[in-house]
Amino acid sequence: MFGAFREIFVRMSMRYPVVLIIDDFQWADADSLTLLQEFLVPPEPPELLILATVRSESVTEAQLEECEKLPIDVRRLEVGPLEEV
């Protein structure tokens, strides 16, 4: 299954820019992280942008550090609350 999932994204990314959005990533379990790791390892991982969101009150520093071990360029961007207008 992991190979088929990867192949779909490799083929899509050869034709189109691909953005994969994962909302509420703080709920990812070990199997989800394994899938993501297998999906991204060389050779020739799919070329795409992954945008994963987490709720800061629902995630630990250890969970964030685990995500940073993925074989990709991981960057954190904290977004505060929107201003009232």
PDB file of N, CA and C in Angstrom:
ATOM      1  N   MET A   1       0.817  -1.174   0.000  1.00  0.00           N
ATOM      2  CA  MET A   1       0.000   0.000   0.000  1.00  0.00           C
ATOM      3  C   MET A   1       0.874   1.256   0.000  1.00  0.00           C
ATOM      4  N   PHE A   2       1.940   1.244   0.815  1.00  0.00           N
ATOM      5  CA  PHE A   2       2.801   2.419   0.882  1.00  0.00           C
ATOM      6  C   PHE A   2       3.397   2.735  -0.493  1.00  0.00           C
ATOM      7  N   GLY A   3       3.824   1.691  -1.202  1.00  0.00           N
ATOM      8  CA  GLY A   3       4.415   1.876  -2.521  1.00  0.00           C
ATOM      9  C   GLY A   3       3.427   2.446  -3.522  1.00  0.00           C
ATOM     10  N   ALA A   4       2.200   1.974  -3.484  1.00  0.00           N
ATOM     11  CA  ALA A   4       1.167   2.474  -4.391  1.00  0.00           C
ATOM     12  C   ALA A   4       0.848   3.939  -4.099  1.00  0.00           C
ATOM     13  N   PHE A   5       0.750   4.270  -2.831  1.00  0.00           N
ATOM     14  CA  PHE A   5       0.491   5.655  -2.420  1.00  0.00           C
ATOM     15  C   PHE A   5       1.603   6.569  -2.925  1.00  0.00           C
ATOM     16  N   ARG A   6       2.829   6.125  -2.746  1.00  0.00           N
ATOM     17  CA  ARG A   6       3.984   6.901  -3.201  1.00  0.00           C
ATOM     18  C   ARG A   6       3.959   7.061  -4.719  1.00  0.00           C
ATOM     19  N   GLU A   7       3.688   5.979  -5.437  1.00  0.00           N
ATOM     20  CA  GLU A   7       3.683   6.014  -6.904  1.00  0.00           C
ATOM     21  C   GLU A   7       2.653   7.012  -7.440  1.00  0.00           C
ATOM     22  N   ILE A   8       1.494   7.075  -6.817  1.00  0.00           N
ATOM     23  CA  ILE A   8       0.470   8.046  -7.233  1.00  0.00           C
ATOM     24  C   ILE A   8       1.023   9.458  -7.150  1.00  0.00           C
ATOM     25  N   PHE A   9       1.659   9.784  -6.038  1.00  0.00           N
ATOM     26  CA  PHE A   9       2.173  11.139  -5.857  1.00  0.00           C
ATOM     27  C   PHE A   9       3.396  11.419  -6.732  1.00  0.00           C
ATOM     28  N   VAL A  10       4.226  10.415  -6.978  1.00  0.00           N
ATOM     29  CA  VAL A  10       5.364  10.605  -7.882  1.00  0.00           C
ATOM     30  C   VAL A  10       4.847  10.964  -9.268  1.00  0.00           C
ATOM     31  N   ARG A  11       3.871  10.226  -9.749  1.00  0.00           N
ATOM     32  CA  ARG A  11       3.319  10.492 -11.088  1.00  0.00           C
ATOM     33  C   ARG A  11       2.619  11.835 -11.167  1.00  0.00           C
ATOM     34  N   MET A  12       1.844  12.179 -10.130  1.00  0.00           N
ATOM     35  CA  MET A  12       1.178  13.485 -10.132  1.00  0.00           C
ATOM     36  C   MET A  12       2.195  14.613 -10.141  1.00  0.00           C
ATOM     37  N   SER A  13       3.246  14.476  -9.322  1.00  0.00           N
ATOM     38  CA  SER A  13       4.215  15.564  -9.200  1.00  0.00           C
ATOM     39  C   SER A  13       5.080  15.715 -10.447  1.00  0.00           C
ATOM     40  N   MET A  14       5.090  14.716 -11.313  1.00  0.00           N
ATOM     41  CA  MET A  14       5.811  14.835 -12.574  1.00  0.00           C
ATOM     42  C   MET A  14       5.033  15.710 -13.564  1.00  0.00           C
ATOM     43  N   ARG A  15       3.728  15.819 -13.361  1.00  0.00           N
ATOM     44  CA  ARG A  15       2.869  16.579 -14.281  1.00  0.00           C
ATOM     45  C   ARG A  15       2.410  17.921 -13.733  1.00  0.00           C
ATOM     46  N   TYR A  16       2.215  17.989 -12.426  1.00  0.00           N
ATOM     47  CA  TYR A  16       1.624  19.173 -11.810  1.00  0.00           C
ATOM     48  C   TYR A  16       2.356  19.518 -10.522  1.00  0.00           C
ATOM     49  N   PRO A  17       2.320  20.799 -10.137  1.00  0.00           N
ATOM     50  CA  PRO A  17       2.785  21.130  -8.782  1.00  0.00           C
ATOM     51  C   PRO A  17       1.796  20.511  -7.782  1.00  0.00           C
ATOM     52  N   VAL A  18       2.310  19.874  -6.749  1.00  0.00           N
ATOM     53  CA  VAL A  18       1.448  19.185  -5.783  1.00  0.00           C
ATOM     54  C   VAL A  18       1.693  19.751  -4.391  1.00  0.00           C
ATOM     55  N   VAL A  19       0.591  20.067  -3.712  1.00  0.00           N
ATOM     56  CA  VAL A  19       0.641  20.484  -2.314  1.00  0.00           C
ATOM     57  C   VAL A  19      -0.209  19.493  -1.531  1.00  0.00           C
ATOM     58  N   LEU A  20       0.394  18.857  -0.546  1.00  0.00           N
ATOM     59  CA  LEU A  20      -0.302  17.911   0.322  1.00  0.00           C
ATOM     60  C   LEU A  20      -0.534  18.620   1.653  1.00  0.00           C
ATOM     61  N   ILE A  21      -1.792  18.797   2.022  1.00  0.00           N
ATOM     62  CA  ILE A  21      -2.129  19.488   3.267  1.00  0.00           C
ATOM     63  C   ILE A  21      -2.644  18.456   4.269  1.00  0.00           C
ATOM     64  N   ILE A  22      -1.992  18.441   5.434  1.00  0.00           N
ATOM     65  CA  ILE A  22      -2.389  17.533   6.510  1.00  0.00           C
ATOM     66  C   ILE A  22      -2.811  18.397   7.693  1.00  0.00           C
ATOM     67  N   ASP A  23      -4.089  18.407   7.977  1.00  0.00           N
ATOM     68  CA  ASP A  23      -4.617  19.205   9.078  1.00  0.00           C
ATOM     69  C   ASP A  23      -4.625  18.376  10.357  1.00  0.00           C
ATOM     70  N   ASP A  24      -4.454  19.034  11.495  1.00  0.00           N
ATOM     71  CA  ASP A  24      -4.464  18.365  12.802  1.00  0.00           C
ATOM     72  C   ASP A  24      -3.439  17.227  12.876  1.00  0.00           C
ATOM     73  N   PHE A  25      -2.226  17.514  12.439  1.00  0.00           N
ATOM     74  CA  PHE A  25      -1.161  16.510  12.408  1.00  0.00           C
ATOM     75  C   PHE A  25      -0.782  16.028  13.807  1.00  0.00           C
ATOM     76  N   GLN A  26      -1.221  16.740  14.832  1.00  0.00           N
ATOM     77  CA  GLN A  26      -0.923  16.295  16.192  1.00  0.00           C
ATOM     78  C   GLN A  26      -1.579  14.948  16.494  1.00  0.00           C
ATOM     79  N   TRP A  27      -2.552  14.543  15.677  1.00  0.00           N
ATOM     80  CA  TRP A  27      -3.223  13.258  15.897  1.00  0.00           C
ATOM     81  C   TRP A  27      -2.545  12.122  15.130  1.00  0.00           C
ATOM     82  N   ALA A  28      -1.451  12.396  14.457  1.00  0.00           N
ATOM     83  CA  ALA A  28      -0.741  11.347  13.714  1.00  0.00           C
ATOM     84  C   ALA A  28      -0.226  10.285  14.681  1.00  0.00           C
ATOM     85  N   ASP A  29      -0.397   9.039  14.300  1.00  0.00           N
ATOM     86  CA  ASP A  29       0.104   7.939  15.126  1.00  0.00           C
ATOM     87  C   ASP A  29       1.368   7.357  14.488  1.00  0.00           C
ATOM     88  N   ALA A  30       1.900   6.319  15.078  1.00  0.00           N
ATOM     89  CA  ALA A  30       3.140   5.719  14.594  1.00  0.00           C
ATOM     90  C   ALA A  30       3.000   5.225  13.157  1.00  0.00           C
ATOM     91  N   ASP A  31       1.839   4.641  12.821  1.00  0.00           N
ATOM     92  CA  ASP A  31       1.631   4.154  11.455  1.00  0.00           C
ATOM     93  C   ASP A  31       1.597   5.306  10.452  1.00  0.00           C
ATOM     94  N   SER A  32       1.001   6.414  10.839  1.00  0.00           N
ATOM     95  CA  SER A  32       0.950   7.587   9.957  1.00  0.00           C
ATOM     96  C   SER A  32       2.343   8.136   9.697  1.00  0.00           C
ATOM     97  N   LEU A  33       3.158   8.208  10.734  1.00  0.00           N
ATOM     98  CA  LEU A  33       4.534   8.691  10.565  1.00  0.00           C
ATOM     99  C   LEU A  33       5.357   7.715   9.726  1.00  0.00           C
ATOM    100  N   THR A  34       5.128   6.414   9.898  1.00  0.00           N
ATOM    101  CA  THR A  34       5.824   5.419   9.089  1.00  0.00           C
ATOM    102  C   THR A  34       5.443   5.578   7.621  1.00  0.00           C
ATOM    103  N   LEU A  35       4.166   5.766   7.339  1.00  0.00           N
ATOM    104  CA  LEU A  35       3.711   5.991   5.969  1.00  0.00           C
ATOM    105  C   LEU A  35       4.392   7.217   5.376  1.00  0.00           C
ATOM    106  N   LEU A  36       4.437   8.305   6.121  1.00  0.00           N
ATOM    107  CA  LEU A  36       5.061   9.529   5.634  1.00  0.00           C
ATOM    108  C   LEU A  36       6.555   9.331   5.400  1.00  0.00           C
ATOM    109  N   GLN A  37       7.223   8.622   6.290  1.00  0.00           N
ATOM    110  CA  GLN A  37       8.654   8.355   6.112  1.00  0.00           C
ATOM    111  C   GLN A  37       8.906   7.510   4.863  1.00  0.00           C
ATOM    112  N   GLU A  38       8.133   6.464   4.677  1.00  0.00           N
ATOM    113  CA  GLU A  38       8.286   5.602   3.501  1.00  0.00           C
ATOM    114  C   GLU A  38       7.970   6.365   2.219  1.00  0.00           C
ATOM    115  N   PHE A  39       7.050   7.258   2.308  1.00  0.00           N
ATOM    116  CA  PHE A  39       6.613   8.081   1.186  1.00  0.00           C
ATOM    117  C   PHE A  39       7.720   9.026   0.724  1.00  0.00           C
ATOM    118  N   LEU A  40       8.563   9.472   1.653  1.00  0.00           N
ATOM    119  CA  LEU A  40       9.528  10.532   1.367  1.00  0.00           C
ATOM    120  C   LEU A  40      10.969  10.072   1.191  1.00  0.00           C
ATOM    121  N   VAL A  41      11.277   8.820   1.459  1.00  0.00           N
ATOM    122  CA  VAL A  41      12.668   8.373   1.388  1.00  0.00           C
ATOM    123  C   VAL A  41      13.150   8.262  -0.057  1.00  0.00           C
ATOM    124  N   PRO A  42      14.444   8.488  -0.269  1.00  0.00           N
ATOM    125  CA  PRO A  42      15.020   8.282  -1.603  1.00  0.00           C
ATOM    126  C   PRO A  42      14.943   6.803  -1.976  1.00  0.00           C
ATOM    127  N   PRO A  43      15.069   6.414  -3.191  1.00  0.00           N
ATOM    128  CA  PRO A  43      15.391   7.275  -4.325  1.00  0.00           C
ATOM    129  C   PRO A  43      14.137   7.921  -4.914  1.00  0.00           C
ATOM    130  N   GLU A  44      14.315   9.088  -5.446  1.00  0.00           N
ATOM    131  CA  GLU A  44      13.294   9.832  -6.167  1.00  0.00           C
ATOM    132  C   GLU A  44      11.962   9.962  -5.438  1.00  0.00           C
ATOM    133  N   PRO A  45      11.967  10.613  -4.282  1.00  0.00           N
ATOM    134  CA  PRO A  45      10.682  10.867  -3.629  1.00  0.00           C
ATOM    135  C   PRO A  45       9.869  11.853  -4.471  1.00  0.00           C
ATOM    136  N   PRO A  46       8.563  11.890  -4.288  1.00  0.00           N
ATOM    137  CA  PRO A  46       7.760  12.832  -5.062  1.00  0.00           C
ATOM    138  C   PRO A  46       8.150  14.274  -4.737  1.00  0.00           C
ATOM    139  N   GLU A  47       8.125  15.127  -5.754  1.00  0.00           N
ATOM    140  CA  GLU A  47       8.421  16.544  -5.546  1.00  0.00           C
ATOM    141  C   GLU A  47       7.118  17.234  -5.176  1.00  0.00           C
ATOM    142  N   LEU A  48       7.016  17.640  -3.928  1.00  0.00           N
ATOM    143  CA  LEU A  48       5.797  18.288  -3.472  1.00  0.00           C
ATOM    144  C   LEU A  48       6.061  19.134  -2.240  1.00  0.00           C
ATOM    145  N   LEU A  49       5.089  19.954  -1.933  1.00  0.00           N
ATOM    146  CA  LEU A  49       5.110  20.754  -0.711  1.00  0.00           C
ATOM    147  C   LEU A  49       4.116  20.115   0.248  1.00  0.00           C
ATOM    148  N   ILE A  50       4.579  19.828   1.449  1.00  0.00           N
ATOM    149  CA  ILE A  50       3.690  19.295   2.479  1.00  0.00           C
ATOM    150  C   ILE A  50       3.477  20.385   3.513  1.00  0.00           C
ATOM    151  N   LEU A  51       2.225  20.704   3.750  1.00  0.00           N
ATOM    152  CA  LEU A  51       1.853  21.680   4.758  1.00  0.00           C
ATOM    153  C   LEU A  51       1.054  20.950   5.825  1.00  0.00           C
ATOM    154  N   ALA A  52       1.635  20.848   7.015  1.00  0.00           N
ATOM    155  CA  ALA A  52       0.969  20.137   8.113  1.00  0.00           C
ATOM    156  C   ALA A  52       0.694  21.128   9.232  1.00  0.00           C
ATOM    157  N   THR A  53      -0.520  21.102   9.727  1.00  0.00           N
ATOM    158  CA  THR A  53      -0.880  22.002  10.821  1.00  0.00           C
ATOM    159  C   THR A  53      -1.043  21.214  12.110  1.00  0.00           C
ATOM    160  N   VAL A  54      -0.657  21.852  13.214  1.00  0.00           N
ATOM    161  CA  VAL A  54      -0.867  21.283  14.548  1.00  0.00           C
ATOM    162  C   VAL A  54      -1.388  22.381  15.458  1.00  0.00           C
ATOM    163  N   ARG A  55      -2.175  21.990  16.414  1.00  0.00           N
ATOM    164  CA  ARG A  55      -2.642  22.935  17.432  1.00  0.00           C
ATOM    165  C   ARG A  55      -1.611  22.914  18.557  1.00  0.00           C
ATOM    166  N   SER A  56      -1.055  24.072  18.849  1.00  0.00           N
ATOM    167  CA  SER A  56       0.041  24.137  19.812  1.00  0.00           C
ATOM    168  C   SER A  56      -0.347  23.596  21.189  1.00  0.00           C
ATOM    169  N   GLU A  57      -1.599  23.750  21.569  1.00  0.00           N
ATOM    170  CA  GLU A  57      -2.007  23.263  22.886  1.00  0.00           C
ATOM    171  C   GLU A  57      -2.194  21.747  22.906  1.00  0.00           C
ATOM    172  N   SER A  58      -2.174  21.111  21.732  1.00  0.00           N
ATOM    173  CA  SER A  58      -2.413  19.676  21.646  1.00  0.00           C
ATOM    174  C   SER A  58      -1.177  18.866  21.283  1.00  0.00           C
ATOM    175  N   VAL A  59      -0.020  19.513  21.188  1.00  0.00           N
ATOM    176  CA  VAL A  59       1.183  18.809  20.739  1.00  0.00           C
ATOM    177  C   VAL A  59       2.320  19.073  21.724  1.00  0.00           C
ATOM    178  N   THR A  60       3.156  18.065  21.919  1.00  0.00           N
ATOM    179  CA  THR A  60       4.302  18.228  22.809  1.00  0.00           C
ATOM    180  C   THR A  60       5.549  18.547  21.982  1.00  0.00           C
ATOM    181  N   GLU A  61       6.542  19.048  22.645  1.00  0.00           N
ATOM    182  CA  GLU A  61       7.812  19.329  21.986  1.00  0.00           C
ATOM    183  C   GLU A  61       8.416  18.045  21.423  1.00  0.00           C
ATOM    184  N   ALA A  62       8.253  16.942  22.137  1.00  0.00           N
ATOM    185  CA  ALA A  62       8.773  15.655  21.668  1.00  0.00           C
ATOM    186  C   ALA A  62       8.109  15.235  20.357  1.00  0.00           C
ATOM    187  N   GLN A  63       6.805  15.475  20.218  1.00  0.00           N
ATOM    188  CA  GLN A  63       6.107  15.147  18.976  1.00  0.00           C
ATOM    189  C   GLN A  63       6.627  16.004  17.820  1.00  0.00           C
ATOM    190  N   LEU A  64       6.865  17.281  18.088  1.00  0.00           N
ATOM    191  CA  LEU A  64       7.406  18.154  17.048  1.00  0.00           C
ATOM    192  C   LEU A  64       8.803  17.709  16.641  1.00  0.00           C
ATOM    193  N   GLU A  65       9.608  17.325  17.603  1.00  0.00           N
ATOM    194  CA  GLU A  65      10.959  16.846  17.304  1.00  0.00           C
ATOM    195  C   GLU A  65      10.923  15.564  16.477  1.00  0.00           C
ATOM    196  N   GLU A  66       9.938  14.714  16.726  1.00  0.00           N
ATOM    197  CA  GLU A  66       9.783  13.477  15.944  1.00  0.00           C
ATOM    198  C   GLU A  66       9.504  13.809  14.480  1.00  0.00           C
ATOM    199  N   CYS A  67       8.693  14.818  14.243  1.00  0.00           N
ATOM    200  CA  CYS A  67       8.395  15.243  12.872  1.00  0.00           C
ATOM    201  C   CYS A  67       9.635  15.801  12.184  1.00  0.00           C
ATOM    202  N   GLU A  68      10.486  16.434  12.942  1.00  0.00           N
ATOM    203  CA  GLU A  68      11.702  17.009  12.370  1.00  0.00           C
ATOM    204  C   GLU A  68      12.698  15.936  11.948  1.00  0.00           C
ATOM    205  N   LYS A  69      12.485  14.695  12.339  1.00  0.00           N
ATOM    206  CA  LYS A  69      13.348  13.596  11.926  1.00  0.00           C
ATOM    207  C   LYS A  69      12.983  13.058  10.547  1.00  0.00           C
ATOM    208  N   LEU A  70      11.885  13.527   9.974  1.00  0.00           N
ATOM    209  CA  LEU A  70      11.494  13.079   8.640  1.00  0.00           C
ATOM    210  C   LEU A  70      12.578  13.459   7.639  1.00  0.00           C
ATOM    211  N   PRO A  71      12.740  12.684   6.575  1.00  0.00           N
ATOM    212  CA  PRO A  71      13.828  12.921   5.622  1.00  0.00           C
ATOM    213  C   PRO A  71      13.543  14.054   4.638  1.00  0.00           C
ATOM    214  N   ILE A  72      13.089  15.186   5.178  1.00  0.00           N
ATOM    215  CA  ILE A  72      12.775  16.355   4.354  1.00  0.00           C
ATOM    216  C   ILE A  72      13.187  17.615   5.099  1.00  0.00           C
ATOM    217  N   ASP A  73      13.118  18.731   4.418  1.00  0.00           N
ATOM    218  CA  ASP A  73      13.388  20.029   5.035  1.00  0.00           C
ATOM    219  C   ASP A  73      12.141  20.436   5.811  1.00  0.00           C
ATOM    220  N   VAL A  74      12.201  20.358   7.139  1.00  0.00           N
ATOM    221  CA  VAL A  74      11.062  20.685   7.998  1.00  0.00           C
ATOM    222  C   VAL A  74      11.283  22.064   8.593  1.00  0.00           C
ATOM    223  N   ARG A  75      10.269  22.909   8.476  1.00  0.00           N
ATOM    224  CA  ARG A  75      10.338  24.256   9.044  1.00  0.00           C
ATOM    225  C   ARG A  75       9.090  24.517   9.877  1.00  0.00           C
ATOM    226  N   ARG A  76       9.302  25.136  11.021  1.00  0.00           N
ATOM    227  CA  ARG A  76       8.182  25.496  11.886  1.00  0.00           C
ATOM    228  C   ARG A  76       7.837  26.959  11.686  1.00  0.00           C
ATOM    229  N   LEU A  77       6.560  27.229  11.614  1.00  0.00           N
ATOM    230  CA  LEU A  77       6.068  28.599  11.516  1.00  0.00           C
ATOM    231  C   LEU A  77       4.904  28.723  12.484  1.00  0.00           C
ATOM    232  N   GLU A  78       5.085  29.542  13.496  1.00  0.00           N
ATOM    233  CA  GLU A  78       4.010  29.736  14.464  1.00  0.00           C
ATOM    234  C   GLU A  78       3.104  30.858  13.980  1.00  0.00           C
ATOM    235  N   VAL A  79       1.822  30.578  13.993  1.00  0.00           N
ATOM    236  CA  VAL A  79       0.821  31.559  13.576  1.00  0.00           C
ATOM    237  C   VAL A  79      -0.061  31.841  14.778  1.00  0.00           C
ATOM    238  N   GLY A  80      -0.092  33.088  15.167  1.00  0.00           N
ATOM    239  CA  GLY A  80      -0.907  33.478  16.315  1.00  0.00           C
ATOM    240  C   GLY A  80      -2.358  33.668  15.937  1.00  0.00           C
ATOM    241  N   PRO A  81      -3.158  34.049  16.909  1.00  0.00           N
ATOM    242  CA  PRO A  81      -4.595  34.265  16.631  1.00  0.00           C
ATOM    243  C   PRO A  81      -4.792  35.468  15.710  1.00  0.00           C
ATOM    244  N   LEU A  82      -5.882  35.429  14.972  1.00  0.00           N
ATOM    245  CA  LEU A  82      -6.226  36.548  14.104  1.00  0.00           C
ATOM    246  C   LEU A  82      -6.717  37.723  14.946  1.00  0.00           C
ATOM    247  N   GLU A  83      -6.451  38.916  14.470  1.00  0.00           N
ATOM    248  CA  GLU A  83      -6.933  40.106  15.169  1.00  0.00           C
ATOM    249  C   GLU A  83      -8.402  40.314  14.891  1.00  0.00           C
ATOM    250  N   GLU A  84      -9.109  40.807  15.888  1.00  0.00           N
ATOM    251  CA  GLU A  84     -10.518  41.129  15.675  1.00  0.00           C
ATOM    252  C   GLU A  84     -10.619  42.429  14.916  1.00  0.00           C
ATOM    253  N   VAL A  85     -11.586  42.516  14.036  1.00  0.00           N
ATOM    254  CA  VAL A  85     -11.794  43.756  13.257  1.00  0.00           C
ATOM    255  C   VAL A  85     -13.132  44.367  13.553  1.00  0.00           C
TER     256      VAL A  85
END
